[in-house]
C-alpha cells in the first residue's frame, strides 16, 4: 500500500496498481530495459519505502503506508457484495449483520482482513481478494441504507424509540433523523460508538 503527497492511495498486488484519487496511476507494473513502468511512468529511484516516478517532465512520489491510521478511507459503514453490513473504526471491523468482529491489519504494506487482501481502495469502494475469490465493499453514505436499525429500541436510560428509514420516533417527544457524518452514525448531537 502506497500513498502520494496528493493523498492518493495505490494498492499494488500481483504487479498491478489500483489507485484512488488524484495524483495516482493505474495499471500493470512491467519491467522494460531495466526500468519499472506504470501507465507511462518510469521508476527513477526505488528505496524500500519510497518510489520516485517520472513521465514527460512530471514527477510522482510514492511512500509506503506503514500505519493503519494513515488509511482514513477505511473508517465508516460498508455493504459488501454478499450483502453484509460492517462498520470500521480503527483496526476493528464489526460485521453488524453477523455480530462478528475482525481485525484489519497492515503488514509489510499489505492491508488484510480475515485472509482477504485489499487490491483496490477508493473513497466509496474497496476491492478485496482471497486466492481467486473477489469481494467488493461499497460505502454506505445514507443512514437509510442501515435498515437493520429499523425497529423498537430502548436506551441505557430506559427511554424508547422506534426507528424507520433512519428516523427515530420518540412518541410524544417528537422524532430525530439519523445521518452518517465522517463515517459515524449521528443523531441529535449523539454519535454511535457501537452497533450490535
Protein backbone atom coordinates (compact mmCIF):
# COMPACT_ATOMS: atom_id res chain seq x y z
CA UNK A 1 0.00 0.00 0.00
CA UNK A 2 1.49 3.30 -1.15
CA UNK A 3 0.47 6.96 -0.73
CA UNK A 4 1.21 10.06 -2.78
CA UNK A 5 1.63 13.58 -1.35
CA UNK A 6 -1.72 14.44 -3.04
CA UNK A 7 -3.45 11.84 -0.85
CA UNK A 8 -3.99 9.13 -3.45
CA UNK A 9 -3.55 5.54 -2.31
CA UNK A 10 -2.17 2.83 -4.55
CA UNK A 11 -2.62 -0.83 -3.77
CA UNK A 12 -0.05 -2.98 -5.55
CA UNK A 13 -0.98 -6.64 -5.75
CA UNK A 14 0.39 -9.14 -8.28
CA UNK A 15 2.23 -6.33 -10.15
CA UNK A 16 -0.98 -4.35 -10.68
CA UNK A 17 -1.57 -0.89 -9.21
CA UNK A 18 -5.12 0.17 -8.32
CA UNK A 19 -5.04 3.84 -7.35
CA UNK A 20 -7.56 6.14 -5.71
CA UNK A 21 -7.85 9.89 -6.02
CA UNK A 22 -5.75 12.40 -7.90
CA UNK A 23 -2.02 12.02 -8.15
CA UNK A 24 -2.04 8.28 -8.73
CA UNK A 25 -1.62 5.85 -11.61
CA UNK A 26 -3.41 2.65 -12.53
CA UNK A 27 -2.40 -0.43 -14.43
CA UNK A 28 0.11 -3.22 -14.67
CA UNK A 29 3.68 -2.62 -13.49
CA UNK A 30 6.10 -4.00 -16.08
CA UNK A 31 9.87 -4.23 -16.46
CA UNK A 32 11.47 -2.93 -19.68
CA UNK A 33 15.13 -2.08 -20.31
CA UNK A 34 15.84 -2.41 -16.59
CA UNK A 35 13.14 0.09 -15.53
CA UNK A 36 9.78 -0.40 -13.85
CA UNK A 37 6.99 1.13 -15.93
CA UNK A 38 3.44 2.04 -14.93
CA UNK A 39 0.90 3.80 -17.15
CA UNK A 40 3.62 5.77 -18.93
CA UNK A 41 5.55 6.47 -15.70
CA UNK A 42 9.15 5.27 -15.30
CA UNK A 43 10.60 4.47 -11.86
CA UNK A 44 13.63 6.74 -11.47
CA UNK A 45 14.55 5.82 -7.89
CA UNK A 46 13.44 2.91 -5.73
CA UNK A 47 14.04 2.52 -2.00
CA UNK A 48 12.42 0.16 0.48
CA UNK A 49 9.73 2.67 1.47
CA UNK A 50 9.80 5.14 -1.43
CA UNK A 51 9.49 5.16 -5.22
CA UNK A 52 10.04 8.20 -7.45
CA UNK A 53 8.37 8.11 -10.85
CA UNK A 54 8.97 10.37 -13.89
CA UNK A 55 6.89 10.98 -17.00
CA UNK A 56 7.30 13.79 -19.56
CA UNK A 57 8.79 16.26 -17.07
CA UNK A 58 6.35 15.33 -14.29
CA UNK A 59 7.18 13.51 -11.07
CA UNK A 60 5.11 11.28 -8.81
CA UNK A 61 6.36 10.16 -5.40
CA UNK A 62 5.14 7.08 -3.59
CA UNK A 63 5.66 6.50 0.13
CA UNK A 64 4.86 3.11 1.66
CA UNK A 65 1.96 3.32 4.11
CA UNK A 66 3.22 1.89 7.40
CA UNK A 67 0.39 2.58 9.85
CA UNK A 68 -3.29 1.68 9.56
CA UNK A 69 -4.35 5.11 10.85
CA UNK A 70 -2.91 6.59 7.62
CA UNK A 71 -5.73 4.88 5.69
CA UNK A 72 -8.63 7.13 6.72
CA UNK A 73 -10.69 5.89 3.77
CA UNK A 74 -11.45 2.69 5.72
CA UNK A 75 -13.44 4.36 8.50
CA UNK A 76 -17.21 4.11 8.32
CA UNK A 77 -20.02 1.87 7.17
CA UNK A 78 -19.75 -0.56 4.25
CA UNK A 79 -22.00 -3.06 2.47
CA UNK A 80 -20.12 -5.93 0.89
CA UNK A 81 -21.03 -7.78 -2.29
CA UNK A 82 -22.51 -10.57 -0.13
CA UNK A 83 -24.94 -8.08 1.44
CA UNK A 84 -23.26 -7.88 4.86
CA UNK A 85 -23.04 -4.50 6.60
CA UNK A 86 -19.89 -3.66 8.52
CA UNK A 87 -18.56 -0.67 10.43
CA UNK A 88 -14.84 0.06 10.54
CA UNK A 89 -13.45 2.01 13.50
CA UNK A 90 -9.68 2.00 13.91
CA UNK A 91 -8.48 -1.53 13.20
CA UNK A 92 -11.81 -3.13 14.17
CA UNK A 93 -14.31 -4.26 11.57
CA UNK A 94 -17.69 -5.10 13.10
CA UNK A 95 -19.86 -7.16 10.77
CA UNK A 96 -23.12 -5.84 12.19
CA UNK A 97 -25.38 -8.29 10.37
CA UNK A 98 -23.30 -11.26 11.67
CA UNK A 99 -22.39 -9.89 15.09
CA UNK A 100 -18.72 -10.72 14.49
CA UNK A 101 -15.66 -8.52 14.81
CA UNK A 102 -12.40 -8.93 12.90
CA UNK A 103 -9.10 -7.04 12.96
CA UNK A 104 -7.82 -5.18 9.91
CA UNK A 105 -4.05 -5.43 9.71
CA UNK A 106 -1.36 -3.69 7.71
CA UNK A 107 1.71 -5.90 7.46
CA UNK A 108 4.61 -5.20 5.09
CA UNK A 109 2.39 -2.78 3.18
CA UNK A 110 -0.44 -5.28 2.68
CA UNK A 111 -3.89 -4.46 4.08
CA UNK A 112 -5.65 -7.66 5.23
CA UNK A 113 -8.89 -8.79 6.86
CA UNK A 114 -9.67 -12.45 7.63
CA UNK A 115 -7.24 -13.65 4.95
CA UNK A 116 -8.58 -11.18 2.35
CA UNK A 117 -6.07 -8.71 0.86
CA UNK A 118 -7.09 -5.25 -0.31
CA UNK A 119 -6.46 -4.96 -4.04
CA UNK A 120 -8.05 -1.54 -4.58
CA UNK A 121 -9.07 1.37 -2.34
CA UNK A 122 -11.17 4.38 -3.31
CA UNK A 123 -13.33 6.72 -1.25
CA UNK A 124 -16.51 4.75 -1.98
CA UNK A 125 -15.21 1.28 -2.87
CA UNK A 126 -12.71 -1.25 -1.56
CA UNK A 127 -11.83 -4.37 -3.53
CA UNK A 128 -10.60 -7.48 -1.71
CA UNK A 129 -9.07 -10.70 -2.98
CA UNK A 130 -8.52 -14.09 -1.33
CA UNK A 131 -6.89 -16.52 -3.74
CA UNK A 132 -9.15 -16.43 -6.80
CA UNK A 133 -12.16 -15.06 -4.88
CA UNK A 134 -13.06 -11.37 -5.11
CA UNK A 135 -15.20 -9.24 -2.81
CA UNK A 136 -16.30 -5.60 -3.08
CA UNK A 137 -17.19 -3.17 -0.32
CA UNK A 138 -19.40 -0.20 -1.21
CA UNK A 139 -19.50 2.75 1.20
CA UNK A 140 -22.82 3.32 2.98
CA UNK A 141 -23.31 7.09 2.95
CA UNK A 142 -27.04 7.36 3.70
CA UNK A 143 -28.31 6.17 7.10
CA UNK A 144 -31.47 4.88 5.34
CA UNK A 145 -29.28 2.09 3.93
CA UNK A 146 -28.87 0.81 7.50
CA UNK A 147 -32.31 -0.80 7.55
CA UNK A 148 -31.04 -3.22 10.20
CA UNK A 149 -31.66 -0.34 12.63
CA UNK A 150 -35.41 -0.34 11.86
CA UNK A 151 -37.49 -1.42 14.84
CA UNK A 152 -38.01 -0.71 18.54
CA UNK A 153 -35.04 0.35 20.68
CA UNK A 154 -34.52 1.10 24.36
CA UNK A 155 -31.79 3.44 25.57
CA UNK A 156 -29.47 2.75 28.51
CA UNK A 157 -31.51 5.39 30.41
CA UNK A 158 -34.77 3.49 29.83
CA UNK A 159 -36.17 5.70 27.07
CA UNK A 160 -37.62 4.06 23.97
CA UNK A 161 -37.91 4.90 20.32
CA UNK A 162 -38.99 3.34 17.04
CA UNK A 163 -36.66 3.62 14.07
CA UNK A 164 -37.86 3.55 10.48
CA UNK A 165 -35.86 4.72 7.46
CA UNK A 166 -33.25 6.44 9.64
CA UNK A 167 -35.77 8.46 11.67
CA UNK A 168 -36.02 7.76 15.38
CA UNK A 169 -39.54 8.48 16.72
CA UNK A 170 -39.74 9.16 20.47
CA UNK A 171 -43.56 9.15 20.65
CA UNK A 172 -44.93 12.41 22.07
CA UNK A 173 -41.37 13.77 22.35
CA UNK A 174 -41.02 14.02 18.56
CA UNK A 175 -38.50 12.46 16.24
CA UNK A 176 -34.92 12.89 15.09
CA UNK A 177 -33.24 11.94 11.82
CA UNK A 178 -30.08 9.83 11.80
CA UNK A 179 -27.21 10.71 9.47
CA UNK A 180 -23.80 9.40 8.60
CA UNK A 181 -21.15 12.07 9.13
CA UNK A 182 -17.45 11.40 8.61
CA UNK A 183 -18.11 7.66 8.79
CA UNK A 184 -20.11 7.79 12.04
CA UNK A 185 -23.84 7.43 12.70
CA UNK A 186 -25.13 10.57 14.44
CA UNK A 187 -28.47 11.73 15.84
CA UNK A 188 -29.32 14.83 17.86
CA UNK A 189 -25.63 15.53 18.53
CA UNK A 190 -25.02 11.96 19.73
CA UNK A 191 -22.54 9.72 17.93
CA UNK A 192 -22.99 5.95 17.88
CA UNK A 193 -19.87 4.25 19.21
CA UNK A 194 -21.12 0.68 18.82
CA UNK A 195 -23.92 -1.11 17.00
CA UNK A 196 -24.64 -4.74 17.75
